[in-house]
C-alpha atoms as a PDB file:
ATOM      1  CA  MET A   1      14.815 -13.885 -17.112  1.00  0.00           C
ATOM      2  CA  VAL A   2      12.370 -11.432 -15.530  1.00  0.00           C
ATOM      3  CA  ILE A   3      10.022 -11.407 -18.530  1.00  0.00           C
ATOM      4  CA  ASP A   4       9.604 -15.178 -18.236  1.00  0.00           C
ATOM      5  CA  ARG A   5       8.784 -14.793 -14.557  1.00  0.00           C
ATOM      6  CA  LEU A   6       6.296 -12.032 -15.374  1.00  0.00           C
ATOM      7  CA  ILE A   7       4.541 -14.242 -17.914  1.00  0.00           C
ATOM      8  CA  ARG A   8       4.385 -17.096 -15.393  1.00  0.00           C
ATOM      9  CA  GLU A   9       2.945 -14.806 -12.727  1.00  0.00           C
ATOM     10  CA  ILE A  10       0.381 -13.335 -15.129  1.00  0.00           C
ATOM     11  CA  LYS A  11      -0.806 -16.836 -15.954  1.00  0.00           C
ATOM     12  CA  ARG A  12      -0.748 -18.006 -12.328  1.00  0.00           C
ATOM     13  CA  LYS A  13      -2.682 -15.002 -11.034  1.00  0.00           C
ATOM     14  CA  LYS A  14      -4.829 -14.774 -14.175  1.00  0.00           C
ATOM     15  CA  ASN A  15      -4.206 -11.056 -14.244  1.00  0.00           C
ATOM     16  CA  PRO A  16      -1.961  -8.972 -16.534  1.00  0.00           C
ATOM     17  CA  CYS A  17      -2.352  -5.782 -14.466  1.00  0.00           C
ATOM     18  CA  ILE A  18       0.569  -3.951 -12.914  1.00  0.00           C
ATOM     19  CA  VAL A  19      -0.229  -1.602 -10.029  1.00  0.00           C
ATOM     20  CA  GLY A  20       1.384   1.819 -10.108  1.00  0.00           C
ATOM     21  CA  ILE A  21       2.824   3.014  -6.826  1.00  0.00           C
ATOM     22  CA  ASP A  22       2.521   6.747  -7.521  1.00  0.00           C
ATOM     23  CA  PRO A  23       2.671   8.514  -4.154  1.00  0.00           C
ATOM     24  CA  GLU A  24       1.712  11.993  -5.307  1.00  0.00           C
ATOM     25  CA  TRP A  25       1.490  13.757  -1.939  1.00  0.00           C
ATOM     26  CA  SER A  26      -1.727  15.650  -2.705  1.00  0.00           C
ATOM     27  CA  ARG A  27      -3.460  12.337  -3.425  1.00  0.00           C
ATOM     28  CA  ILE A  28      -2.239  10.392  -0.387  1.00  0.00           C
ATOM     29  CA  PRO A  29      -5.134   9.820   2.052  1.00  0.00           C
ATOM     30  CA  ASP A  30      -5.028  12.100   5.079  1.00  0.00           C
ATOM     31  CA  CYS A  31      -4.820   9.150   7.472  1.00  0.00           C
ATOM     32  CA  TYR A  32      -1.202   8.643   6.323  1.00  0.00           C
ATOM     33  CA  LYS A  33      -0.288  12.316   6.718  1.00  0.00           C
ATOM     34  CA  THR A  34      -0.949  12.584  10.448  1.00  0.00           C
ATOM     35  CA  GLY A  35       1.466  11.661  13.205  1.00  0.00           C
ATOM     36  CA  THR A  36       5.100  12.378  13.883  1.00  0.00           C
ATOM     37  CA  GLU A  37       6.778  10.535  11.015  1.00  0.00           C
ATOM     38  CA  THR A  38       8.228  12.242   7.962  1.00  0.00           C
ATOM     39  CA  SER A  39       6.327  12.618   4.707  1.00  0.00           C
ATOM     40  CA  ALA A  40       8.613  10.080   3.034  1.00  0.00           C
ATOM     41  CA  GLU A  41       7.961   7.510   5.771  1.00  0.00           C
ATOM     42  CA  ALA A  42       4.226   8.174   5.503  1.00  0.00           C
ATOM     43  CA  ILE A  43       4.501   7.344   1.822  1.00  0.00           C
ATOM     44  CA  PHE A  44       6.304   4.114   2.701  1.00  0.00           C
ATOM     45  CA  HIS A  45       3.399   3.065   4.916  1.00  0.00           C
ATOM     46  CA  TRP A  46       0.878   3.968   2.211  1.00  0.00           C
ATOM     47  CA  ALA A  47       2.859   2.042  -0.430  1.00  0.00           C
ATOM     48  CA  THR A  48       3.195  -1.057   1.736  1.00  0.00           C
ATOM     49  CA  ASP A  49      -0.531  -1.004   2.482  1.00  0.00           C
ATOM     50  CA  VAL A  50      -1.247  -0.826  -1.259  1.00  0.00           C
ATOM     51  CA  MET A  51       1.113  -3.728  -1.939  1.00  0.00           C
ATOM     52  CA  ASP A  52      -0.356  -5.781   0.909  1.00  0.00           C
ATOM     53  CA  SER A  53      -3.775  -5.261  -0.673  1.00  0.00           C
ATOM     54  CA  VAL A  54      -2.798  -6.327  -4.194  1.00  0.00           C
ATOM     55  CA  ALA A  55       0.049  -8.822  -3.835  1.00  0.00           C
ATOM     56  CA  ASP A  56      -2.207 -11.852  -4.156  1.00  0.00           C
ATOM     57  CA  ILE A  57      -3.914 -10.642  -7.329  1.00  0.00           C
ATOM     58  CA  VAL A  58      -1.302  -8.827  -9.445  1.00  0.00           C
ATOM     59  CA  PRO A  59       2.096  -9.980 -10.669  1.00  0.00           C
ATOM     60  CA  ALA A  60       3.937  -6.668 -10.430  1.00  0.00           C
ATOM     61  CA  VAL A  61       4.099  -3.124  -9.116  1.00  0.00           C
ATOM     62  CA  LYS A  62       5.595  -0.010 -10.690  1.00  0.00           C
ATOM     63  CA  PRO A  63       6.886   2.638  -8.255  1.00  0.00           C
ATOM     64  CA  GLN A  64       7.029   6.076  -9.898  1.00  0.00           C
ATOM     65  CA  MET A  65      10.437   7.518  -9.005  1.00  0.00           C
ATOM     66  CA  ALA A  66       9.410  11.156  -9.513  1.00  0.00           C
ATOM     67  CA  PHE A  67       7.115  11.107  -6.511  1.00  0.00           C
ATOM     68  CA  PHE A  68       9.869   9.704  -4.302  1.00  0.00           C
ATOM     69  CA  GLU A  69      12.505  12.140  -5.580  1.00  0.00           C
ATOM     70  CA  VAL A  70      10.521  15.146  -4.389  1.00  0.00           C
ATOM     71  CA  PHE A  71      11.553  14.112  -0.865  1.00  0.00           C
ATOM     72  CA  GLY A  72      15.260  14.149  -1.741  1.00  0.00           C
ATOM     73  CA  PRO A  73      17.659  11.578  -0.280  1.00  0.00           C
ATOM     74  CA  GLU A  74      15.050  10.374   2.225  1.00  0.00           C
ATOM     75  CA  GLY A  75      12.633   9.786  -0.645  1.00  0.00           C
ATOM     76  CA  LEU A  76      15.275   7.751  -2.473  1.00  0.00           C
ATOM     77  CA  ARG A  77      15.829   5.634   0.638  1.00  0.00           C
ATOM     78  CA  VAL A  78      12.083   5.079   0.931  1.00  0.00           C
ATOM     79  CA  HIS A  79      11.938   4.121  -2.760  1.00  0.00           C
ATOM     80  CA  GLN A  80      14.597   1.483  -2.087  1.00  0.00           C
ATOM     81  CA  LYS A  81      12.591   0.222   0.893  1.00  0.00           C
ATOM     82  CA  VAL A  82       9.439   0.052  -1.239  1.00  0.00           C
ATOM     83  CA  VAL A  83      11.272  -1.953  -3.914  1.00  0.00           C
ATOM     84  CA  GLN A  84      12.650  -4.341  -1.304  1.00  0.00           C
ATOM     85  CA  TYR A  85       9.224  -4.721   0.300  1.00  0.00           C
ATOM     86  CA  ALA A  86       7.730  -5.559  -3.100  1.00  0.00           C
ATOM     87  CA  HIS A  87      10.399  -8.196  -3.688  1.00  0.00           C
ATOM     88  CA  ASP A  88       9.776  -9.620  -0.223  1.00  0.00           C
ATOM     89  CA  LYS A  89       6.073  -9.928  -1.140  1.00  0.00           C
ATOM     90  CA  GLY A  90       7.040 -11.863  -4.278  1.00  0.00           C
ATOM     91  CA  LEU A  91       6.083  -9.043  -6.623  1.00  0.00           C
ATOM     92  CA  ILE A  92       7.988  -8.154  -9.771  1.00  0.00           C
ATOM     93  CA  VAL A  93       9.102  -4.518  -9.751  1.00  0.00           C
ATOM     94  CA  VAL A  94       8.995  -2.398 -12.896  1.00  0.00           C
ATOM     95  CA  ASP A  95      11.258   0.626 -12.457  1.00  0.00           C
ATOM     96  CA  ASP A  96       9.336   3.733 -13.508  1.00  0.00           C
ATOM     97  CA  SER A  97      12.230   6.190 -13.602  1.00  0.00           C
ATOM     98  CA  LYS A  98      11.857   7.710 -17.031  1.00  0.00           C
ATOM     99  CA  ARG A  99      12.418  11.373 -17.770  1.00  0.00           C
ATOM    100  CA  ASN A 100      10.481  13.774 -20.023  1.00  0.00           C
ATOM    101  CA  ASP A 101       7.262  12.238 -18.775  1.00  0.00           C
ATOM    102  CA  ILE A 102       3.691  13.521 -18.776  1.00  0.00           C
ATOM    103  CA  GLY A 103       2.088  16.264 -16.663  1.00  0.00           C
ATOM    104  CA  ASN A 104       2.218  15.477 -12.969  1.00  0.00           C
ATOM    105  CA  THR A 105       5.356  13.315 -13.060  1.00  0.00           C
ATOM    106  CA  ALA A 106       7.191  15.859 -15.243  1.00  0.00           C
ATOM    107  CA  ARG A 107       6.299  18.523 -12.654  1.00  0.00           C
ATOM    108  CA  ALA A 108       7.563  16.267  -9.841  1.00  0.00           C
ATOM    109  CA  TYR A 109      10.866  15.638 -11.655  1.00  0.00           C
ATOM    110  CA  ALA A 110      11.211  19.360 -12.394  1.00  0.00           C
ATOM    111  CA  TYR A 111      10.619  20.259  -8.763  1.00  0.00           C
ATOM    112  CA  ALA A 112      12.975  17.592  -7.400  1.00  0.00           C
ATOM    113  CA  HIS A 113      15.798  18.392  -9.809  1.00  0.00           C
ATOM    114  CA  LEU A 114      15.390  22.025 -10.863  1.00  0.00           C
ATOM    115  CA  ALA A 115      13.478  24.046  -8.261  1.00  0.00           C
ATOM    116  CA  LYS A 116      15.509  26.243  -5.943  1.00  0.00           C
ATOM    117  CA  ASP A 117      13.617  24.794  -2.988  1.00  0.00           C
ATOM    118  CA  GLY A 118      13.701  21.244  -4.415  1.00  0.00           C
ATOM    119  CA  PRO A 119      15.852  18.610  -2.727  1.00  0.00           C
ATOM    120  CA  ILE A 120      18.322  18.235  -5.605  1.00  0.00           C
ATOM    121  CA  ASN A 121      18.283  21.829  -6.948  1.00  0.00           C
ATOM    122  CA  ALA A 122      20.651  21.204  -9.852  1.00  0.00           C
END
């Protein structure tokens, strides 16, 4: 069971922290925003760098779906790649895909799903 694995990893790494992978575009360092790749791919590179930096010291990561959804289908593909990368690094993945969330994530969900210029526009 995943909870048993989480407990084992917390004990092994002596750390109960879970790192949020919250790629809010306005907070992504500029070094990831330059070049020819798409915004969603830039977020993938940022997320993998974060995971590379913390994989040895934390048991799990928690990608925030709202900030991937703002990039539409490409963002969803990148989210899947981030989850797979985390698994490949031996990290447990907590799915942060709730709705009716707080401030910035609620705005990201609203944009992705409800805005006329959002990728889902439902």
